[in-house]
Amino acid sequence: MLEESETLALMLDASDLGLDDMNLVSETITVEMRVNQTESDIVMRARATLVARETCDRCLSPFDSRMDVTFQLMLTEKELLLEGGKDSDIYFFPANEQELNLGPPLRDAILLERSMKQVCSETCRGICPQCGTNLNQDTCDCGENGVDERWAALRQINLSRTE
């Protein structure tokens, strides 16, 4: 039985979470939890910290991305709370249970927090579309005037006559 409010720190093995598509810098994930218990419910607020090795979508350079993931779970003995629908934050947890697998909710929270577009910095200039030079590290002579000939026909359109 928990005290009314308790703080826990856990170290989880990343390989147990099924995050094989993420290149994590460390094989362990630190999770800090604040657990509050009422008469029949337990509310857990958790924060996980991890670092993933990503590849920038603009310049293709590798970089480390720190993620601070927060999520909340409610464990309840009351099946009535689950009748309104499948709420992913509420779990049925009978009084006789002793263990809870935090893997699936933690994995979901990490994947939802991960950016869809990986960028090494907001000021990343990417690569030159003509020569492939990383514009963060060097400049090239291609210039901004280079026009892809596939789009050259669009120069013939007179936009001044459109309303």
C-alpha atoms as a PDB file:
ATOM      1  CA  MET A   1       0.000   0.000   0.000  1.00  0.00           C
ATOM      2  CA  LEU A   2       1.290   3.417  -0.939  1.00  0.00           C
ATOM      3  CA  GLU A   3       1.408   6.429   1.246  1.00  0.00           C
ATOM      4  CA  GLU A   4      -1.047   9.154   0.221  1.00  0.00           C
ATOM      5  CA  SER A   5       1.570  10.676  -2.119  1.00  0.00           C
ATOM      6  CA  GLU A   6       4.893   9.215  -3.132  1.00  0.00           C
ATOM      7  CA  THR A   7       7.707   9.999  -5.577  1.00  0.00           C
ATOM      8  CA  LEU A   8       9.464   7.181  -7.402  1.00  0.00           C
ATOM      9  CA  ALA A   9      12.470   7.090  -9.699  1.00  0.00           C
ATOM     10  CA  LEU A  10      12.826   4.214 -12.154  1.00  0.00           C
ATOM     11  CA  MET A  11      15.429   3.152 -14.679  1.00  0.00           C
ATOM     12  CA  LEU A  12      13.855   1.233 -17.582  1.00  0.00           C
ATOM     13  CA  ASP A  13      15.631  -0.765 -20.247  1.00  0.00           C
ATOM     14  CA  ALA A  14      14.866   0.823 -23.641  1.00  0.00           C
ATOM     15  CA  SER A  15      14.929  -2.541 -25.418  1.00  0.00           C
ATOM     16  CA  ASP A  16      11.884  -3.632 -23.390  1.00  0.00           C
ATOM     17  CA  LEU A  17       9.806  -0.762 -24.814  1.00  0.00           C
ATOM     18  CA  GLY A  18       9.938  -1.749 -28.473  1.00  0.00           C
ATOM     19  CA  LEU A  19      11.627   1.446 -29.611  1.00  0.00           C
ATOM     20  CA  ASP A  20      13.829  -0.347 -32.119  1.00  0.00           C
ATOM     21  CA  ASP A  21      13.271   2.304 -34.800  1.00  0.00           C
ATOM     22  CA  MET A  22      14.762   4.982 -32.527  1.00  0.00           C
ATOM     23  CA  ASN A  23      18.523   5.137 -32.139  1.00  0.00           C
ATOM     24  CA  LEU A  24      18.784   5.879 -28.416  1.00  0.00           C
ATOM     25  CA  VAL A  25      22.079   7.147 -27.033  1.00  0.00           C
ATOM     26  CA  SER A  26      21.561   5.315 -23.738  1.00  0.00           C
ATOM     27  CA  GLU A  27      19.937   1.918 -23.276  1.00  0.00           C
ATOM     28  CA  THR A  28      18.267   3.118 -20.069  1.00  0.00           C
ATOM     29  CA  ILE A  29      15.439   5.601 -19.731  1.00  0.00           C
ATOM     30  CA  THR A  30      15.011   7.546 -16.514  1.00  0.00           C
ATOM     31  CA  VAL A  31      11.405   7.880 -15.329  1.00  0.00           C
ATOM     32  CA  GLU A  32      10.384  10.060 -12.387  1.00  0.00           C
ATOM     33  CA  MET A  33       6.871   9.458 -11.095  1.00  0.00           C
ATOM     34  CA  ARG A  34       4.611  11.215  -8.669  1.00  0.00           C
ATOM     35  CA  VAL A  35       2.033   8.733  -7.373  1.00  0.00           C
ATOM     36  CA  ASN A  36      -1.091   9.875  -5.531  1.00  0.00           C
ATOM     37  CA  GLN A  37      -3.527   7.387  -4.062  1.00  0.00           C
ATOM     38  CA  THR A  38      -7.112   8.014  -3.075  1.00  0.00           C
ATOM     39  CA  GLU A  39      -9.500   5.419  -1.636  1.00  0.00           C
ATOM     40  CA  SER A  40      -9.764   3.340  -4.798  1.00  0.00           C
ATOM     41  CA  ASP A  41      -7.771   5.175  -7.469  1.00  0.00           C
ATOM     42  CA  ILE A  42      -4.110   5.817  -8.138  1.00  0.00           C
ATOM     43  CA  VAL A  43      -3.009   8.782 -10.259  1.00  0.00           C
ATOM     44  CA  MET A  44       0.495   8.625 -11.676  1.00  0.00           C
ATOM     45  CA  ARG A  45       2.203  11.610 -13.266  1.00  0.00           C
ATOM     46  CA  ALA A  46       5.459  10.652 -14.918  1.00  0.00           C
ATOM     47  CA  ARG A  47       8.325  12.317 -16.736  1.00  0.00           C
ATOM     48  CA  ALA A  48      10.778  10.322 -18.814  1.00  0.00           C
ATOM     49  CA  THR A  49      14.095  11.681 -20.034  1.00  0.00           C
ATOM     50  CA  LEU A  50      15.965  10.195 -22.975  1.00  0.00           C
ATOM     51  CA  VAL A  51      18.385  11.180 -25.730  1.00  0.00           C
ATOM     52  CA  ALA A  52      18.005   9.886 -29.282  1.00  0.00           C
ATOM     53  CA  ARG A  53      20.518  10.081 -32.125  1.00  0.00           C
ATOM     54  CA  GLU A  54      18.585  11.579 -35.041  1.00  0.00           C
ATOM     55  CA  THR A  55      19.405  12.559 -38.627  1.00  0.00           C
ATOM     56  CA  CYS A  56      18.475  16.099 -39.666  1.00  0.00           C
ATOM     57  CA  ASP A  57      15.854  16.135 -42.417  1.00  0.00           C
ATOM     58  CA  ARG A  58      17.345  19.335 -43.897  1.00  0.00           C
ATOM     59  CA  CYS A  59      21.126  18.778 -43.883  1.00  0.00           C
ATOM     60  CA  LEU A  60      21.320  14.997 -43.252  1.00  0.00           C
ATOM     61  CA  SER A  61      23.778  15.479 -40.352  1.00  0.00           C
ATOM     62  CA  PRO A  62      23.445  13.361 -37.209  1.00  0.00           C
ATOM     63  CA  PHE A  63      22.585  15.128 -33.942  1.00  0.00           C
ATOM     64  CA  ASP A  64      21.459  14.247 -30.423  1.00  0.00           C
ATOM     65  CA  SER A  65      17.885  15.134 -29.513  1.00  0.00           C
ATOM     66  CA  ARG A  66      16.922  15.303 -25.824  1.00  0.00           C
ATOM     67  CA  MET A  67      13.316  14.432 -25.078  1.00  0.00           C
ATOM     68  CA  ASP A  68      11.433  15.174 -21.868  1.00  0.00           C
ATOM     69  CA  VAL A  69       8.233  13.179 -22.124  1.00  0.00           C
ATOM     70  CA  THR A  70       5.377  13.637 -19.663  1.00  0.00           C
ATOM     71  CA  PHE A  71       2.332  11.444 -19.300  1.00  0.00           C
ATOM     72  CA  GLN A  72      -0.371  10.678 -16.775  1.00  0.00           C
ATOM     73  CA  LEU A  73      -2.174   7.473 -15.889  1.00  0.00           C
ATOM     74  CA  MET A  74      -5.106   6.720 -13.668  1.00  0.00           C
ATOM     75  CA  LEU A  75      -5.482   3.258 -12.184  1.00  0.00           C
ATOM     76  CA  THR A  76      -8.916   2.440 -10.882  1.00  0.00           C
ATOM     77  CA  GLU A  77     -10.866  -0.439  -9.393  1.00  0.00           C
ATOM     78  CA  LYS A  78     -14.118   1.116 -10.635  1.00  0.00           C
ATOM     79  CA  GLU A  79     -15.161  -0.435 -13.926  1.00  0.00           C
ATOM     80  CA  LEU A  80     -17.802   2.300 -14.287  1.00  0.00           C
ATOM     81  CA  LEU A  81     -15.061   4.793 -15.191  1.00  0.00           C
ATOM     82  CA  LEU A  82     -14.180   2.666 -18.210  1.00  0.00           C
ATOM     83  CA  GLU A  83     -17.747   2.408 -19.602  1.00  0.00           C
ATOM     84  CA  GLY A  84     -17.677   5.811 -21.334  1.00  0.00           C
ATOM     85  CA  GLY A  85     -15.191   4.558 -23.909  1.00  0.00           C
ATOM     86  CA  LYS A  86     -11.662   3.368 -24.260  1.00  0.00           C
ATOM     87  CA  ASP A  87      -9.692   6.175 -22.593  1.00  0.00           C
ATOM     88  CA  SER A  88      -6.012   5.372 -22.973  1.00  0.00           C
ATOM     89  CA  ASP A  89      -5.134   7.182 -19.728  1.00  0.00           C
ATOM     90  CA  ILE A  90      -7.440   5.128 -17.476  1.00  0.00           C
ATOM     91  CA  TYR A  91      -6.562   1.530 -16.649  1.00  0.00           C
ATOM     92  CA  PHE A  92      -8.586  -1.024 -14.723  1.00  0.00           C
ATOM     93  CA  PHE A  93      -6.378  -2.134 -11.843  1.00  0.00           C
ATOM     94  CA  PRO A  94      -7.982  -4.622  -9.434  1.00  0.00           C
ATOM     95  CA  ALA A  95      -7.098  -4.352  -5.744  1.00  0.00           C
ATOM     96  CA  ASN A  96      -5.340  -7.744  -5.755  1.00  0.00           C
ATOM     97  CA  GLU A  97      -2.876  -6.726  -8.538  1.00  0.00           C
ATOM     98  CA  GLN A  98       0.688  -6.047  -7.451  1.00  0.00           C
ATOM     99  CA  GLU A  99       2.410  -5.004 -10.701  1.00  0.00           C
ATOM    100  CA  LEU A 100       1.757  -2.676 -13.608  1.00  0.00           C
ATOM    101  CA  ASN A 101       3.569  -2.766 -16.951  1.00  0.00           C
ATOM    102  CA  LEU A 102       4.458   0.858 -17.706  1.00  0.00           C
ATOM    103  CA  GLY A 103       6.013  -0.102 -21.043  1.00  0.00           C
ATOM    104  CA  PRO A 104       3.035   0.441 -23.407  1.00  0.00           C
ATOM    105  CA  PRO A 105       1.932   3.861 -22.042  1.00  0.00           C
ATOM    106  CA  LEU A 106       5.544   5.070 -21.864  1.00  0.00           C
ATOM    107  CA  ARG A 107       6.246   3.879 -25.409  1.00  0.00           C
ATOM    108  CA  ASP A 108       3.103   5.636 -26.684  1.00  0.00           C
ATOM    109  CA  ALA A 109       4.039   8.870 -24.894  1.00  0.00           C
ATOM    110  CA  ILE A 110       7.568   8.800 -26.364  1.00  0.00           C
ATOM    111  CA  LEU A 111       6.342   8.177 -29.902  1.00  0.00           C
ATOM    112  CA  LEU A 112       3.720  10.931 -29.627  1.00  0.00           C
ATOM    113  CA  GLU A 113       6.300  13.402 -28.311  1.00  0.00           C
ATOM    114  CA  ARG A 114       8.823  12.678 -31.061  1.00  0.00           C
ATOM    115  CA  SER A 115       8.886  15.346 -33.773  1.00  0.00           C
ATOM    116  CA  MET A 116       7.655  14.339 -37.186  1.00  0.00           C
ATOM    117  CA  LYS A 117      10.386  16.422 -38.800  1.00  0.00           C
ATOM    118  CA  GLN A 118      13.840  16.051 -37.287  1.00  0.00           C
ATOM    119  CA  VAL A 119      15.855  19.284 -37.504  1.00  0.00           C
ATOM    120  CA  CYS A 120      19.290  19.804 -35.932  1.00  0.00           C
ATOM    121  CA  SER A 121      18.484  23.498 -35.299  1.00  0.00           C
ATOM    122  CA  GLU A 122      15.821  25.992 -36.310  1.00  0.00           C
ATOM    123  CA  THR A 123      18.444  27.894 -38.305  1.00  0.00           C
ATOM    124  CA  CYS A 124      19.580  24.847 -40.300  1.00  0.00           C
ATOM    125  CA  ARG A 125      20.146  25.868 -43.927  1.00  0.00           C
ATOM    126  CA  GLY A 126      20.008  22.335 -45.331  1.00  0.00           C
ATOM    127  CA  ILE A 127      21.846  21.146 -48.402  1.00  0.00           C
ATOM    128  CA  CYS A 128      22.186  22.725 -51.860  1.00  0.00           C
ATOM    129  CA  PRO A 129      19.710  21.032 -54.223  1.00  0.00           C
ATOM    130  CA  GLN A 130      22.176  21.297 -57.121  1.00  0.00           C
ATOM    131  CA  CYS A 131      25.523  20.155 -55.675  1.00  0.00           C
ATOM    132  CA  GLY A 132      24.598  18.656 -52.270  1.00  0.00           C
ATOM    133  CA  THR A 133      26.864  20.926 -50.190  1.00  0.00           C
ATOM    134  CA  ASN A 134      25.872  21.196 -46.529  1.00  0.00           C
ATOM    135  CA  LEU A 135      25.094  24.930 -46.377  1.00  0.00           C
ATOM    136  CA  ASN A 136      25.653  25.006 -42.598  1.00  0.00           C
ATOM    137  CA  GLN A 137      29.321  24.145 -43.091  1.00  0.00           C
ATOM    138  CA  ASP A 138      30.207  25.626 -46.477  1.00  0.00           C
ATOM    139  CA  THR A 139      28.922  27.779 -49.315  1.00  0.00           C
ATOM    140  CA  CYS A 140      28.622  26.812 -52.949  1.00  0.00           C
ATOM    141  CA  ASP A 141      28.699  28.626 -56.276  1.00  0.00           C
ATOM    142  CA  CYS A 142      25.335  27.305 -57.449  1.00  0.00           C
ATOM    143  CA  GLY A 143      23.591  30.443 -56.237  1.00  0.00           C
ATOM    144  CA  GLU A 144      19.913  31.013 -55.797  1.00  0.00           C
ATOM    145  CA  ASN A 145      19.416  31.829 -59.490  1.00  0.00           C
ATOM    146  CA  GLY A 146      19.703  28.239 -60.605  1.00  0.00           C
ATOM    147  CA  VAL A 147      16.285  27.231 -61.892  1.00  0.00           C
ATOM    148  CA  ASP A 148      15.282  23.644 -62.393  1.00  0.00           C
ATOM    149  CA  GLU A 149      14.541  23.403 -66.113  1.00  0.00           C
ATOM    150  CA  ARG A 150      11.508  21.227 -65.420  1.00  0.00           C
ATOM    151  CA  TRP A 151       9.836  24.382 -64.052  1.00  0.00           C
ATOM    152  CA  ALA A 152      11.069  26.744 -66.773  1.00  0.00           C
ATOM    153  CA  ALA A 153       7.693  26.728 -68.590  1.00  0.00           C
ATOM    154  CA  LEU A 154       6.105  28.432 -65.589  1.00  0.00           C
ATOM    155  CA  ARG A 155       8.095  31.595 -66.363  1.00  0.00           C
ATOM    156  CA  GLN A 156       5.889  32.054 -69.451  1.00  0.00           C
ATOM    157  CA  ILE A 157       2.751  32.556 -67.341  1.00  0.00           C
ATOM    158  CA  ASN A 158       1.695  36.197 -67.106  1.00  0.00           C
ATOM    159  CA  LEU A 159       0.281  36.623 -63.611  1.00  0.00           C
ATOM    160  CA  SER A 160      -0.411  40.343 -64.013  1.00  0.00           C
ATOM    161  CA  ARG A 161      -3.656  39.641 -65.919  1.00  0.00           C
ATOM    162  CA  THR A 162      -5.147  37.407 -63.234  1.00  0.00           C
ATOM    163  CA  GLU A 163      -7.696  38.763 -60.777  1.00  0.00           C
END
